N, C-alpha and C. Protein backbone atom coordinates (compact mmCIF):
# COMPACT_ATOMS: atom_id res chain seq x y z
N MET A 1 -38.38 4.67 11.64
CA MET A 1 -37.19 3.72 11.40
C MET A 1 -36.25 3.97 12.68
N SER A 2 -35.81 2.85 13.22
CA SER A 2 -34.95 3.02 14.35
C SER A 2 -33.46 3.22 13.78
N LYS A 3 -32.74 3.91 14.66
CA LYS A 3 -31.36 4.15 14.28
C LYS A 3 -30.49 2.99 14.82
N PHE A 4 -29.67 2.57 13.85
CA PHE A 4 -28.72 1.39 14.25
C PHE A 4 -27.70 1.88 15.23
N SER A 5 -27.38 1.19 16.18
CA SER A 5 -26.45 1.57 17.31
C SER A 5 -25.44 0.42 17.39
N LEU A 6 -24.14 0.79 17.42
CA LEU A 6 -23.14 -0.28 17.58
C LEU A 6 -22.38 0.16 18.90
N SER A 7 -22.35 -0.76 19.83
CA SER A 7 -21.51 -0.36 21.03
C SER A 7 -20.45 -1.44 20.99
N PHE A 8 -19.28 -0.90 21.38
CA PHE A 8 -18.12 -1.84 21.46
C PHE A 8 -17.15 -1.37 22.49
N ARG A 9 -16.20 -2.19 22.85
CA ARG A 9 -14.99 -1.89 23.69
C ARG A 9 -13.78 -2.43 23.03
N LEU A 10 -12.77 -1.74 23.05
CA LEU A 10 -11.56 -2.14 22.25
C LEU A 10 -11.05 -3.49 22.99
N ASN A 11 -10.85 -4.45 22.13
CA ASN A 11 -10.57 -5.82 22.71
C ASN A 11 -9.01 -5.95 22.93
N HIS A 12 -8.18 -5.69 21.83
CA HIS A 12 -6.76 -5.73 21.98
C HIS A 12 -6.15 -5.04 20.89
N VAL A 13 -4.82 -4.81 21.13
CA VAL A 13 -3.94 -4.13 20.16
C VAL A 13 -2.91 -5.13 19.71
N ALA A 14 -2.51 -5.27 18.45
CA ALA A 14 -1.44 -6.12 18.15
C ALA A 14 -0.27 -5.34 17.64
N ILE A 15 0.97 -5.74 18.15
CA ILE A 15 2.15 -4.98 17.68
C ILE A 15 3.20 -6.00 17.27
N ALA A 16 3.90 -5.68 16.12
CA ALA A 16 4.98 -6.49 15.72
C ALA A 16 6.30 -5.94 16.37
N VAL A 17 7.16 -6.82 16.89
CA VAL A 17 8.34 -6.43 17.55
C VAL A 17 9.49 -7.28 17.10
N PRO A 18 10.72 -6.86 17.15
CA PRO A 18 11.78 -7.63 16.59
C PRO A 18 12.26 -8.68 17.73
N ASN A 19 12.00 -8.45 18.92
CA ASN A 19 12.37 -9.45 20.07
C ASN A 19 11.22 -9.54 21.00
N LEU A 20 10.70 -10.69 20.87
CA LEU A 20 9.44 -11.00 21.51
C LEU A 20 9.69 -11.05 23.14
N ASP A 21 10.68 -11.73 23.61
CA ASP A 21 11.00 -11.79 25.00
C ASP A 21 11.30 -10.55 25.62
N GLU A 22 11.99 -9.61 24.93
CA GLU A 22 12.27 -8.21 25.42
C GLU A 22 10.92 -7.40 25.50
N ALA A 23 10.17 -7.62 24.54
CA ALA A 23 8.88 -6.87 24.43
C ALA A 23 8.02 -7.28 25.56
N ILE A 24 7.82 -8.62 25.80
CA ILE A 24 7.06 -9.05 26.93
C ILE A 24 7.35 -8.33 28.20
N GLU A 25 8.73 -8.42 28.41
CA GLU A 25 9.25 -7.84 29.64
C GLU A 25 8.95 -6.34 29.72
N TRP A 26 9.23 -5.57 28.61
CA TRP A 26 8.93 -4.16 28.53
C TRP A 26 7.50 -3.80 28.88
N TYR A 27 6.64 -4.47 28.09
CA TYR A 27 5.21 -4.07 28.29
C TYR A 27 4.68 -4.45 29.60
N SER A 28 5.19 -5.68 30.17
CA SER A 28 4.75 -5.99 31.49
C SER A 28 5.16 -5.03 32.55
N GLU A 29 6.42 -4.60 32.42
CA GLU A 29 6.87 -3.56 33.42
C GLU A 29 6.35 -2.20 33.34
N VAL A 30 6.13 -1.82 32.00
CA VAL A 30 5.65 -0.38 31.81
C VAL A 30 4.25 -0.27 32.08
N PHE A 31 3.29 -1.21 31.68
CA PHE A 31 1.90 -1.08 31.75
C PHE A 31 1.20 -2.12 32.72
N ASN A 32 2.09 -2.91 33.33
CA ASN A 32 1.61 -3.87 34.44
C ASN A 32 0.71 -4.98 33.69
N LEU A 33 1.08 -5.27 32.43
CA LEU A 33 0.32 -6.35 31.68
C LEU A 33 0.99 -7.77 32.18
N THR A 34 0.12 -8.76 32.00
CA THR A 34 0.45 -10.04 32.50
C THR A 34 0.41 -10.98 31.40
N PRO A 35 1.56 -11.75 31.08
CA PRO A 35 1.37 -12.86 30.06
C PRO A 35 0.27 -13.85 30.38
N LEU A 36 -0.66 -14.00 29.45
CA LEU A 36 -1.85 -14.99 29.72
C LEU A 36 -1.47 -16.36 29.53
N ILE A 37 -0.44 -16.69 28.60
CA ILE A 37 0.03 -17.97 28.31
C ILE A 37 1.51 -17.91 27.88
N PRO A 38 2.28 -18.93 28.05
CA PRO A 38 3.65 -18.72 27.56
C PRO A 38 3.68 -18.47 26.03
N PRO A 39 4.86 -17.83 25.56
CA PRO A 39 4.84 -17.46 24.08
C PRO A 39 4.59 -18.72 23.26
N ILE A 40 3.97 -18.55 22.13
CA ILE A 40 3.61 -19.61 21.13
C ILE A 40 4.49 -19.40 19.88
N THR A 41 5.04 -20.46 19.42
CA THR A 41 5.72 -20.49 18.13
C THR A 41 4.77 -21.18 17.10
N LEU A 42 4.62 -20.45 15.96
CA LEU A 42 3.68 -20.91 14.93
C LEU A 42 4.53 -21.12 13.65
N ASP A 43 4.62 -22.42 13.20
CA ASP A 43 5.57 -22.71 12.07
C ASP A 43 4.61 -23.39 10.94
N ARG A 44 4.62 -22.59 9.83
CA ARG A 44 3.73 -23.06 8.71
C ARG A 44 4.10 -24.46 8.26
N SER A 45 5.43 -24.83 8.34
CA SER A 45 5.79 -26.20 7.78
C SER A 45 5.33 -27.25 8.77
N GLU A 46 5.12 -26.99 10.05
CA GLU A 46 4.63 -27.88 11.13
C GLU A 46 3.06 -28.07 11.25
N SER A 47 2.45 -26.83 10.83
CA SER A 47 0.99 -26.78 11.08
C SER A 47 0.45 -25.88 9.95
N PRO A 48 0.59 -26.42 8.69
CA PRO A 48 0.12 -25.61 7.65
C PRO A 48 -1.46 -25.28 7.56
N ASP A 49 -2.19 -26.00 8.29
CA ASP A 49 -3.67 -25.81 8.35
C ASP A 49 -4.07 -24.87 9.47
N ASN A 50 -3.01 -24.47 10.30
CA ASN A 50 -3.48 -23.53 11.34
C ASN A 50 -4.13 -22.26 10.70
N PRO A 51 -5.29 -21.94 11.28
CA PRO A 51 -6.09 -20.76 10.71
C PRO A 51 -5.27 -19.45 10.59
N ILE A 52 -4.38 -19.34 11.46
CA ILE A 52 -3.58 -18.01 11.34
C ILE A 52 -2.85 -17.82 10.09
N PHE A 53 -2.55 -19.03 9.56
CA PHE A 53 -1.78 -18.82 8.14
C PHE A 53 -2.64 -18.59 7.02
N THR A 54 -3.99 -18.53 7.32
CA THR A 54 -4.88 -18.06 6.14
C THR A 54 -4.88 -16.60 6.19
N ILE A 55 -4.35 -15.90 7.32
CA ILE A 55 -4.40 -14.46 7.31
C ILE A 55 -3.20 -13.88 6.67
N TYR A 56 -2.04 -14.59 6.89
CA TYR A 56 -0.80 -14.00 6.44
C TYR A 56 -0.43 -14.66 5.02
N PRO A 57 0.34 -13.99 4.15
CA PRO A 57 0.60 -14.52 2.88
C PRO A 57 1.55 -15.72 3.00
N PRO A 58 1.69 -16.50 1.89
CA PRO A 58 2.59 -17.80 2.04
C PRO A 58 4.11 -17.39 2.39
N SER A 59 4.39 -16.15 2.16
CA SER A 59 5.83 -15.82 2.51
C SER A 59 6.08 -15.80 3.99
N CYS A 60 5.08 -15.68 4.74
CA CYS A 60 5.02 -15.81 6.29
C CYS A 60 5.19 -17.29 6.68
N LYS A 61 6.45 -17.81 7.05
CA LYS A 61 6.79 -19.09 7.30
C LYS A 61 6.57 -19.38 8.89
N TRP A 62 7.13 -18.48 9.74
CA TRP A 62 6.88 -18.73 11.04
C TRP A 62 7.04 -17.48 11.94
N MET A 63 6.35 -17.51 13.03
CA MET A 63 6.37 -16.38 13.96
C MET A 63 6.23 -16.78 15.47
N ARG A 64 6.48 -15.93 16.22
CA ARG A 64 6.30 -16.08 17.75
C ARG A 64 5.13 -15.13 18.20
N LEU A 65 4.39 -15.50 19.20
CA LEU A 65 3.22 -14.72 19.59
C LEU A 65 3.14 -14.80 21.04
N ALA A 66 2.83 -13.60 21.60
CA ALA A 66 2.54 -13.65 23.08
C ALA A 66 1.22 -12.79 23.26
N LEU A 67 0.51 -13.21 24.29
CA LEU A 67 -0.65 -12.66 24.58
C LEU A 67 -0.58 -12.05 26.05
N LEU A 68 -0.74 -10.77 26.17
CA LEU A 68 -0.60 -10.14 27.45
C LEU A 68 -1.96 -9.63 27.87
N GLY A 69 -2.33 -9.74 29.10
CA GLY A 69 -3.61 -9.29 29.55
C GLY A 69 -3.61 -8.08 30.46
N ALA A 70 -4.53 -7.16 30.32
CA ALA A 70 -4.68 -6.02 31.21
C ALA A 70 -5.65 -6.33 32.35
N GLY A 71 -6.22 -7.41 32.55
CA GLY A 71 -7.02 -7.74 33.75
C GLY A 71 -8.46 -7.46 33.27
N PRO A 72 -9.35 -7.88 34.10
CA PRO A 72 -10.83 -7.80 33.66
C PRO A 72 -11.29 -6.18 33.54
N GLU A 73 -10.73 -5.41 34.29
CA GLU A 73 -11.10 -4.11 34.17
C GLU A 73 -10.07 -3.12 33.36
N GLY A 74 -9.14 -3.79 32.69
CA GLY A 74 -8.21 -3.17 31.87
C GLY A 74 -8.90 -2.60 30.58
N PRO A 75 -8.26 -1.60 29.98
CA PRO A 75 -8.70 -1.06 28.81
C PRO A 75 -8.77 -1.96 27.46
N ALA A 76 -7.68 -2.83 27.48
CA ALA A 76 -7.67 -3.67 26.31
C ALA A 76 -6.31 -4.51 26.52
N ASP A 77 -6.36 -5.74 25.90
CA ASP A 77 -5.21 -6.58 26.04
C ASP A 77 -4.22 -6.33 24.82
N LEU A 78 -3.05 -7.06 24.85
CA LEU A 78 -2.09 -6.77 23.87
C LEU A 78 -1.67 -8.18 23.29
N GLU A 79 -1.38 -8.19 22.00
CA GLU A 79 -0.82 -9.30 21.31
C GLU A 79 0.55 -8.73 20.75
N LEU A 80 1.58 -9.51 20.98
CA LEU A 80 2.91 -9.22 20.45
C LEU A 80 3.36 -10.26 19.48
N PHE A 81 3.80 -9.87 18.23
CA PHE A 81 4.15 -10.74 17.26
C PHE A 81 5.70 -10.52 16.88
N GLN A 82 6.41 -11.56 16.84
CA GLN A 82 7.77 -11.49 16.30
C GLN A 82 7.75 -12.37 15.10
N PHE A 83 7.91 -11.70 13.97
CA PHE A 83 7.94 -12.45 12.75
C PHE A 83 9.33 -12.94 12.48
N GLN A 84 9.56 -14.16 12.31
CA GLN A 84 10.89 -14.76 12.20
C GLN A 84 11.21 -15.14 10.68
N ASP A 85 10.40 -15.63 9.98
CA ASP A 85 10.72 -15.99 8.54
C ASP A 85 9.57 -15.60 7.64
N PRO A 86 9.66 -14.39 7.11
CA PRO A 86 10.78 -13.51 7.10
C PRO A 86 10.64 -12.59 8.40
N THR A 87 11.84 -12.00 8.63
CA THR A 87 11.98 -11.06 9.79
C THR A 87 11.38 -9.71 9.33
N ALA A 88 11.07 -8.91 10.43
CA ALA A 88 10.70 -7.41 10.12
C ALA A 88 11.77 -6.69 9.30
N GLU A 89 11.35 -5.95 8.41
CA GLU A 89 12.48 -5.16 7.59
C GLU A 89 13.10 -4.12 8.31
N GLU A 90 12.29 -3.34 9.12
CA GLU A 90 12.75 -2.27 9.96
C GLU A 90 11.86 -2.07 11.06
N GLU A 91 12.26 -1.30 12.06
CA GLU A 91 11.32 -0.80 13.04
C GLU A 91 10.56 0.34 12.72
N CYS A 92 9.63 0.68 13.43
CA CYS A 92 8.77 1.94 13.04
C CYS A 92 9.60 3.10 13.21
N ASN A 93 9.20 4.06 12.36
CA ASN A 93 9.92 5.41 12.44
C ASN A 93 8.85 6.42 12.22
N PHE A 94 8.21 6.90 13.27
CA PHE A 94 7.13 7.91 13.19
C PHE A 94 7.52 9.05 12.30
N GLU A 95 8.65 9.61 12.42
CA GLU A 95 8.99 10.77 11.76
C GLU A 95 8.99 10.58 10.16
N LEU A 96 9.37 9.27 9.76
CA LEU A 96 9.40 8.99 8.30
C LEU A 96 7.93 8.44 7.91
N GLN A 97 7.20 7.77 8.69
CA GLN A 97 6.07 7.04 8.26
C GLN A 97 4.75 7.63 8.70
N TYR A 98 4.64 8.71 9.24
CA TYR A 98 3.41 9.29 9.75
C TYR A 98 2.40 9.56 8.59
N ARG A 99 2.93 9.74 7.46
CA ARG A 99 1.94 10.06 6.32
C ARG A 99 1.50 8.88 5.63
N ARG A 100 1.91 7.73 5.91
CA ARG A 100 1.51 6.47 5.18
C ARG A 100 0.01 6.24 5.65
N GLY A 101 -0.70 5.56 4.92
CA GLY A 101 -2.01 5.21 5.34
C GLY A 101 -2.15 4.19 6.43
N GLY A 102 -3.33 4.11 7.15
CA GLY A 102 -3.49 3.04 8.17
C GLY A 102 -3.25 3.63 9.59
N TYR A 103 -3.26 2.75 10.61
CA TYR A 103 -3.17 3.16 11.93
C TYR A 103 -1.71 3.77 12.13
N PHE A 104 -1.57 4.76 13.02
CA PHE A 104 -0.23 5.11 13.30
C PHE A 104 -0.05 5.51 14.70
N HIS A 105 -1.00 5.44 15.64
CA HIS A 105 -0.75 5.38 17.14
C HIS A 105 -1.87 4.84 17.73
N MET A 106 -1.63 4.38 19.06
CA MET A 106 -2.75 4.08 20.00
C MET A 106 -2.67 5.03 21.09
N ALA A 107 -3.88 5.28 21.69
CA ALA A 107 -3.99 6.22 22.83
C ALA A 107 -4.40 5.41 24.13
N LEU A 108 -3.75 5.68 25.27
CA LEU A 108 -3.99 5.12 26.39
C LEU A 108 -4.37 6.16 27.45
N THR A 109 -5.30 5.98 28.26
CA THR A 109 -5.74 6.81 29.35
C THR A 109 -5.05 6.32 30.63
N VAL A 110 -4.30 7.15 31.35
CA VAL A 110 -3.66 6.80 32.56
C VAL A 110 -3.96 7.88 33.63
N ASP A 111 -3.70 7.42 34.85
CA ASP A 111 -3.86 8.42 35.96
C ASP A 111 -2.95 9.50 36.05
N ASP A 112 -1.67 9.28 35.67
CA ASP A 112 -0.45 10.26 35.73
C ASP A 112 0.35 10.18 34.60
N VAL A 113 0.13 11.09 33.67
CA VAL A 113 0.76 11.20 32.33
C VAL A 113 2.24 11.23 32.56
N ASP A 114 2.75 12.26 33.31
CA ASP A 114 4.09 12.54 33.62
C ASP A 114 4.84 11.16 34.14
N ALA A 115 4.22 10.47 34.99
CA ALA A 115 4.79 9.24 35.63
C ALA A 115 4.95 8.23 34.67
N VAL A 116 3.95 7.89 33.74
CA VAL A 116 3.94 7.00 32.67
C VAL A 116 5.09 7.24 31.74
N VAL A 117 5.10 8.60 31.20
CA VAL A 117 6.14 8.98 30.28
C VAL A 117 7.55 8.80 30.87
N GLU A 118 7.70 9.07 31.93
CA GLU A 118 8.94 8.93 32.73
C GLU A 118 9.37 7.48 32.72
N LYS A 119 8.40 6.60 33.08
CA LYS A 119 8.64 5.14 33.11
C LYS A 119 9.03 4.66 31.76
N ILE A 120 8.30 5.10 30.71
CA ILE A 120 8.59 4.73 29.27
C ILE A 120 9.99 5.13 28.90
N VAL A 121 10.33 6.33 29.09
CA VAL A 121 11.59 6.94 28.77
C VAL A 121 12.76 6.14 29.55
N ASN A 122 12.51 5.90 30.73
CA ASN A 122 13.58 5.19 31.64
C ASN A 122 13.75 3.65 31.08
N ARG A 123 12.82 3.14 30.42
CA ARG A 123 12.93 1.72 29.94
C ARG A 123 13.29 1.70 28.38
N GLY A 124 13.86 2.82 27.92
CA GLY A 124 14.27 2.70 26.58
C GLY A 124 13.21 3.41 25.47
N GLY A 125 12.14 3.82 25.77
CA GLY A 125 11.36 4.58 24.95
C GLY A 125 11.72 5.96 24.83
N ARG A 126 10.93 6.73 24.12
CA ARG A 126 11.21 8.21 24.07
C ARG A 126 10.04 9.02 23.87
N LYS A 127 10.12 10.24 24.24
CA LYS A 127 9.10 11.24 24.31
C LYS A 127 9.13 11.93 22.85
N VAL A 128 8.04 12.13 22.26
CA VAL A 128 7.94 12.81 20.95
C VAL A 128 7.23 14.06 21.20
N GLY A 129 8.03 15.17 20.92
CA GLY A 129 7.43 16.47 20.99
C GLY A 129 7.23 16.93 22.50
N LEU A 130 6.35 17.98 22.55
CA LEU A 130 5.87 18.60 23.81
C LEU A 130 4.68 18.02 24.27
N ASP A 131 4.35 18.07 25.56
CA ASP A 131 3.02 17.68 26.06
C ASP A 131 1.96 18.58 25.20
N MET A 132 0.74 17.85 25.05
CA MET A 132 -0.27 18.40 24.30
C MET A 132 -1.37 18.90 25.26
N PRO A 133 -1.73 20.14 25.36
CA PRO A 133 -2.84 20.53 26.39
C PRO A 133 -4.16 20.11 25.58
N CYS A 134 -4.87 19.27 26.20
CA CYS A 134 -6.22 18.80 25.62
C CYS A 134 -7.33 19.77 26.06
N SER A 135 -7.29 20.26 27.27
CA SER A 135 -8.26 21.19 27.77
C SER A 135 -7.71 21.87 28.91
N LYS A 136 -8.33 22.59 29.68
CA LYS A 136 -7.66 23.35 30.80
C LYS A 136 -7.30 22.32 31.81
N SER A 137 -7.85 21.21 32.06
CA SER A 137 -7.54 20.32 33.13
C SER A 137 -6.91 18.92 32.70
N HIS A 138 -6.64 18.79 31.40
CA HIS A 138 -6.08 17.55 30.81
C HIS A 138 -5.03 17.72 29.81
N LYS A 139 -4.27 16.74 29.74
CA LYS A 139 -3.11 16.85 28.79
C LYS A 139 -2.91 15.43 28.22
N ALA A 140 -1.99 15.42 27.20
CA ALA A 140 -1.62 14.13 26.62
C ALA A 140 -0.09 14.33 26.19
N ALA A 141 0.60 13.20 26.02
CA ALA A 141 1.98 13.17 25.57
C ALA A 141 2.24 12.11 24.63
N TYR A 142 2.93 12.40 23.73
CA TYR A 142 3.23 11.21 22.56
C TYR A 142 4.59 10.65 22.99
N VAL A 143 4.73 9.28 22.83
CA VAL A 143 5.86 8.65 23.27
C VAL A 143 6.01 7.42 22.22
N THR A 144 7.15 6.84 22.21
CA THR A 144 7.27 5.56 21.46
C THR A 144 7.81 4.47 22.54
N ASP A 145 7.50 3.32 22.16
CA ASP A 145 8.14 2.08 22.87
C ASP A 145 9.63 1.97 22.45
N LYS A 146 10.30 1.04 22.86
CA LYS A 146 11.78 0.72 22.53
C LYS A 146 11.81 0.54 20.92
N TRP A 147 10.69 0.15 20.24
CA TRP A 147 10.81 -0.23 18.93
C TRP A 147 10.21 0.82 17.95
N GLY A 148 9.83 2.06 18.56
CA GLY A 148 9.38 3.11 17.78
C GLY A 148 7.92 3.13 17.54
N ASN A 149 7.11 2.20 18.14
CA ASN A 149 5.59 2.18 17.96
C ASN A 149 5.08 3.39 18.90
N VAL A 150 4.32 4.23 18.23
CA VAL A 150 3.78 5.42 18.90
C VAL A 150 2.57 5.21 19.79
N MET A 151 2.51 5.86 20.89
CA MET A 151 1.48 5.81 21.75
C MET A 151 1.22 7.25 22.30
N GLU A 152 -0.04 7.60 22.37
CA GLU A 152 -0.46 8.87 22.93
C GLU A 152 -0.96 8.57 24.52
N ILE A 153 -0.31 9.13 25.45
CA ILE A 153 -0.68 8.89 26.93
C ILE A 153 -1.53 10.00 27.27
N MET A 154 -2.76 9.76 27.62
CA MET A 154 -3.83 10.89 28.00
C MET A 154 -4.24 10.73 29.46
N SER A 155 -4.66 11.88 29.98
CA SER A 155 -5.02 11.98 31.31
C SER A 155 -6.43 11.78 31.61
N ALA A 156 -7.25 11.57 30.50
CA ALA A 156 -8.75 11.30 30.72
C ALA A 156 -9.17 10.68 29.30
N SER A 157 -10.33 10.08 29.47
CA SER A 157 -10.95 9.53 28.22
C SER A 157 -11.11 10.55 27.17
N TYR A 158 -11.05 10.13 25.95
CA TYR A 158 -11.43 11.11 24.87
C TYR A 158 -12.62 11.76 24.93
N SER A 159 -13.70 10.97 25.28
CA SER A 159 -15.02 11.50 25.52
C SER A 159 -15.12 12.67 26.57
N ASP A 160 -14.44 12.40 27.66
CA ASP A 160 -14.46 13.32 28.77
C ASP A 160 -13.71 14.72 28.38
N ILE A 161 -12.56 14.51 27.67
CA ILE A 161 -11.77 15.61 27.19
C ILE A 161 -12.62 16.48 26.21
N VAL A 162 -13.29 15.79 25.24
CA VAL A 162 -14.07 16.60 24.27
C VAL A 162 -15.24 17.27 24.95
N ALA A 163 -15.85 16.68 25.94
CA ALA A 163 -16.98 17.24 26.58
C ALA A 163 -16.52 18.47 27.27
N GLU A 164 -15.41 18.45 28.05
CA GLU A 164 -14.79 19.48 28.76
C GLU A 164 -14.46 20.73 27.75
N VAL A 165 -13.84 20.39 26.62
CA VAL A 165 -13.50 21.46 25.64
C VAL A 165 -14.75 22.05 25.12
N MET A 166 -15.80 21.25 24.76
CA MET A 166 -17.07 21.88 24.34
C MET A 166 -17.73 22.71 25.40
N GLU A 167 -17.71 22.29 26.55
CA GLU A 167 -18.29 23.17 27.76
C GLU A 167 -17.45 24.52 27.87
N GLN A 168 -16.17 24.45 27.75
CA GLN A 168 -15.43 25.62 27.89
C GLN A 168 -15.67 26.64 26.67
N TYR A 169 -15.89 25.92 25.47
CA TYR A 169 -16.27 26.85 24.36
C TYR A 169 -17.69 27.47 24.47
N ARG A 170 -18.58 26.71 25.07
CA ARG A 170 -19.93 27.28 25.29
C ARG A 170 -19.89 28.42 26.26
N GLN A 171 -18.84 28.23 27.30
CA GLN A 171 -18.96 29.24 28.29
C GLN A 171 -17.85 30.45 27.81
N GLY A 172 -17.29 30.28 26.62
CA GLY A 172 -16.45 31.32 26.09
C GLY A 172 -15.08 31.35 26.78
N ASN A 173 -14.66 30.21 27.50
CA ASN A 173 -13.28 29.98 28.12
C ASN A 173 -12.38 29.25 27.25
N ASN A 174 -12.08 29.81 26.01
CA ASN A 174 -11.24 28.99 25.09
C ASN A 174 -9.84 28.92 25.79
């Protein structure tokens, strides 16, 4: 019997934000993402048959959407949603919401963790806690964007870090 294998690449991440235009500018500046098309406004009263409205409950009347690209070699693209009717009740709060079920952060691999963290903080985000030593040669830092969405900024891929930690363990160099 053959073993089933699923190979995939992360396609995109979607984030709800209170101000779409500000978020487009922020993510474009911090991560060099490029808007793929101008922002779209989706209004249920004008296009009730739009397939997107089959995903959201009837209470979702209209929203704005932006699609940002990381380029063909980028790790994943980004969708930004600004829900207008109804508006978002509150921004993310990691300290209060980390225990709720579901996704609670995304991790990004970058060449220079410190430089990216500094860029995020200088543009209104904040650092959460201390740097996390992942292995002897790699680290990670937790940050939030301006709206409280948590990101882990890592110096290498997860697979590379785990492989290095396992090799250190095998060699007795914990």
